[in-house]
Amino acid sequence: MEKTVRAIGICRWLGLPLGGIMFFFTYGSFGITIASVLSIMAAVSFWILMRSEQSRLIGQTIAREIKEAINEAGNVESYIEIKRLKSGIIARVYLINAREKVAVVHKAIARRLERCTFKKYLWIMQLTDMPGKSALRDTQRMLNDQLLEELMRKRRGDGN
């Protein structure tokens, strides 16, 4: 997977020659202004498409690593939520009725992610235990509030 992500990172630079090709073939038909706009749109669209795919693959790999760590630690029922932001990836792990297994699962995830090649992209990981599936919405709100507080604290420089 690491090679694929690296190849996509390199391929996104192909957007520049693709934009040049678009300009070359549209210049004669549409003129310099429209050809320039079309070529810029083609280059930027390709760049965004490649970056989005790269981010998707990284998030998918991190989610798979977390799921495998949970299975190794005791096969606890869980949900994994991956949020991709510009600055990195936020992973949320919702354990359902795990109780005493939470610490074991946390250690297993930390160990597994330490060996993961994409750990540098993981910005924040939140892990929580909830009593049942029905508590998912309330737990998400609680984690959103904690995340907002953490981001505001980091922005102010209060802590790391």
Protein backbone atom coordinates (compact mmCIF):
# COMPACT_ATOMS: atom_id res chain seq x y z
CA MET A 1 0.00 0.00 0.00
CA GLU A 2 2.90 2.33 0.75
CA LYS A 3 4.18 2.00 -2.81
CA THR A 4 0.73 2.75 -4.20
CA VAL A 5 0.38 5.89 -2.07
CA ARG A 6 3.86 7.02 -3.11
CA ALA A 7 3.08 6.35 -6.80
CA ILE A 8 -0.13 8.38 -6.55
CA GLY A 9 1.83 11.19 -4.91
CA ILE A 10 4.20 11.21 -7.87
CA CYS A 11 1.41 10.82 -10.44
CA ARG A 12 -0.38 13.93 -9.22
CA TRP A 13 2.43 15.94 -10.84
CA LEU A 14 1.22 14.59 -14.19
CA GLY A 15 -1.54 17.17 -13.90
CA LEU A 16 0.87 19.84 -15.12
CA PRO A 17 1.69 18.19 -18.46
CA LEU A 18 -1.97 17.19 -18.81
CA GLY A 19 -2.89 20.86 -18.41
CA GLY A 20 -0.32 21.71 -21.09
CA ILE A 21 -1.80 19.13 -23.44
CA MET A 22 -5.28 20.53 -22.77
CA PHE A 23 -4.01 24.01 -23.65
CA PHE A 24 -2.29 22.78 -26.81
CA PHE A 25 -5.42 21.09 -28.16
CA THR A 26 -7.93 23.78 -27.16
CA TYR A 27 -5.93 26.89 -28.07
CA GLY A 28 -6.77 26.74 -31.77
CA SER A 29 -10.50 26.21 -31.20
CA PHE A 30 -11.26 28.45 -28.23
CA GLY A 31 -8.53 31.05 -28.04
CA ILE A 32 -5.93 31.77 -25.39
CA THR A 33 -8.27 32.77 -22.55
CA ILE A 34 -10.61 29.79 -22.64
CA ALA A 35 -7.74 27.40 -23.40
CA SER A 36 -5.86 28.73 -20.36
CA VAL A 37 -8.89 28.35 -18.11
CA LEU A 38 -9.55 24.81 -19.37
CA SER A 39 -5.93 23.77 -18.95
CA ILE A 40 -5.74 25.17 -15.41
CA MET A 41 -9.01 23.45 -14.53
CA ALA A 42 -7.73 20.14 -15.92
CA ALA A 43 -4.44 20.37 -14.01
CA VAL A 44 -6.06 21.38 -10.72
CA SER A 45 -8.82 18.76 -11.05
CA PHE A 46 -6.29 16.01 -11.64
CA TRP A 47 -4.19 17.19 -8.70
CA ILE A 48 -7.23 17.22 -6.38
CA LEU A 49 -8.36 13.81 -7.61
CA MET A 50 -4.96 12.24 -6.95
CA ARG A 51 -4.59 13.89 -3.55
CA SER A 52 -8.07 12.74 -2.56
CA GLU A 53 -7.31 9.15 -3.57
CA GLN A 54 -4.01 9.23 -1.70
CA SER A 55 -5.78 10.46 1.43
CA ARG A 56 -8.51 7.82 1.05
CA LEU A 57 -5.97 5.00 0.84
CA ILE A 58 -4.09 6.26 3.89
CA GLY A 59 -7.32 6.49 5.90
CA GLN A 60 -8.38 3.04 4.76
CA THR A 61 -5.03 1.56 5.81
CA ILE A 62 -5.16 3.20 9.23
CA ALA A 63 -8.72 1.92 9.76
CA ARG A 64 -7.64 -1.60 8.79
CA GLU A 65 -4.71 -1.47 11.22
CA ILE A 66 -7.00 -0.32 14.03
CA LYS A 67 -9.55 -3.04 13.27
CA GLU A 68 -6.85 -5.73 13.27
CA ALA A 69 -5.51 -4.44 16.60
CA ILE A 70 -9.00 -4.60 18.11
CA ASN A 71 -9.44 -8.16 16.85
CA GLU A 72 -6.08 -9.16 18.34
CA ALA A 73 -6.89 -7.57 21.68
CA GLY A 74 -10.16 -9.35 22.27
CA ASN A 75 -12.54 -8.98 19.36
CA VAL A 76 -14.64 -6.23 20.93
CA GLU A 77 -17.56 -4.87 18.93
CA SER A 78 -16.58 -1.45 17.62
CA TYR A 79 -17.05 1.31 15.09
CA ILE A 80 -14.15 3.11 13.46
CA GLU A 81 -14.59 6.59 12.06
CA ILE A 82 -11.90 8.21 9.92
CA LYS A 83 -12.03 11.93 9.22
CA ARG A 84 -9.63 13.33 6.66
CA LEU A 85 -8.60 16.93 7.17
CA LYS A 86 -6.06 19.05 5.41
CA SER A 87 -3.66 18.84 8.34
CA GLY A 88 -4.02 15.09 8.88
CA ILE A 89 -6.33 12.26 9.77
CA ILE A 90 -8.51 11.98 12.85
CA ALA A 91 -9.40 8.44 13.85
CA ARG A 92 -12.22 7.68 16.25
CA VAL A 93 -12.73 4.28 17.77
CA TYR A 94 -16.05 3.57 19.45
CA LEU A 95 -15.89 0.42 21.55
CA ILE A 96 -19.23 -1.05 22.53
CA ASN A 97 -19.50 -2.28 26.09
CA ALA A 98 -15.80 -3.13 26.32
CA ARG A 99 -15.36 -2.11 29.98
CA GLU A 100 -12.14 -3.70 31.26
CA LYS A 101 -10.83 -4.39 27.75
CA VAL A 102 -10.47 -0.68 26.91
CA ALA A 103 -6.91 -0.42 28.23
CA VAL A 104 -5.87 -3.61 26.43
CA VAL A 105 -7.43 -2.42 23.18
CA HIS A 106 -5.78 1.00 23.55
CA LYS A 107 -2.36 -0.57 24.02
CA ALA A 108 -2.90 -2.93 21.07
CA ILE A 109 -3.90 -0.05 18.81
CA ALA A 110 -0.92 2.05 19.92
CA ARG A 111 1.47 -0.86 19.28
CA ARG A 112 -0.05 -1.58 15.89
CA LEU A 113 -0.03 2.06 14.77
CA GLU A 114 3.57 2.47 15.90
CA ARG A 115 4.56 -0.05 13.23
CA CYS A 116 2.22 1.44 10.60
CA THR A 117 3.97 3.33 7.82
CA PHE A 118 1.20 5.93 7.73
CA LYS A 119 1.29 6.87 11.42
CA LYS A 120 2.74 10.26 10.51
CA TYR A 121 -0.59 11.15 8.88
CA LEU A 122 -2.59 10.31 12.00
CA TRP A 123 -3.07 13.60 13.73
CA ILE A 124 -5.47 12.67 16.53
CA MET A 125 -6.93 9.39 17.71
CA GLN A 126 -9.91 9.30 20.03
CA LEU A 127 -10.98 6.09 21.73
CA THR A 128 -14.10 5.71 23.82
CA ASP A 129 -16.28 3.03 25.31
CA MET A 130 -20.04 3.33 25.06
CA PRO A 131 -22.79 1.23 26.61
CA GLY A 132 -24.51 0.35 23.35
CA LYS A 133 -25.08 1.27 19.73
CA SER A 134 -27.85 3.69 20.69
CA ALA A 135 -25.33 5.97 22.43
CA LEU A 136 -23.39 6.64 19.21
CA ARG A 137 -24.87 10.11 18.51
CA ASP A 138 -24.31 11.38 22.04
CA THR A 139 -20.79 9.97 22.08
CA GLN A 140 -20.01 11.65 18.75
CA ARG A 141 -21.19 14.99 20.12
CA MET A 142 -19.05 14.53 23.22
CA LEU A 143 -15.99 13.67 21.12
CA ASN A 144 -16.65 16.63 18.81
CA ASP A 145 -16.67 18.93 21.85
CA GLN A 146 -13.42 17.40 23.15
CA LEU A 147 -11.84 17.69 19.71
CA LEU A 148 -12.84 21.34 19.42
CA GLU A 149 -11.38 22.09 22.85
CA GLU A 150 -8.14 20.29 21.95
CA LEU A 151 -7.84 22.14 18.63
CA MET A 152 -8.45 25.48 20.31
CA ARG A 153 -5.85 24.67 22.97
CA LYS A 154 -3.29 23.70 20.30
CA ARG A 155 -4.05 26.86 18.35
CA ARG A 156 -3.44 29.01 21.43
CA GLY A 157 -0.27 27.06 22.16
CA ASP A 158 -1.43 25.96 25.61
CA GLY A 159 -0.35 22.36 25.27
CA ASN A 160 0.78 19.54 23.09
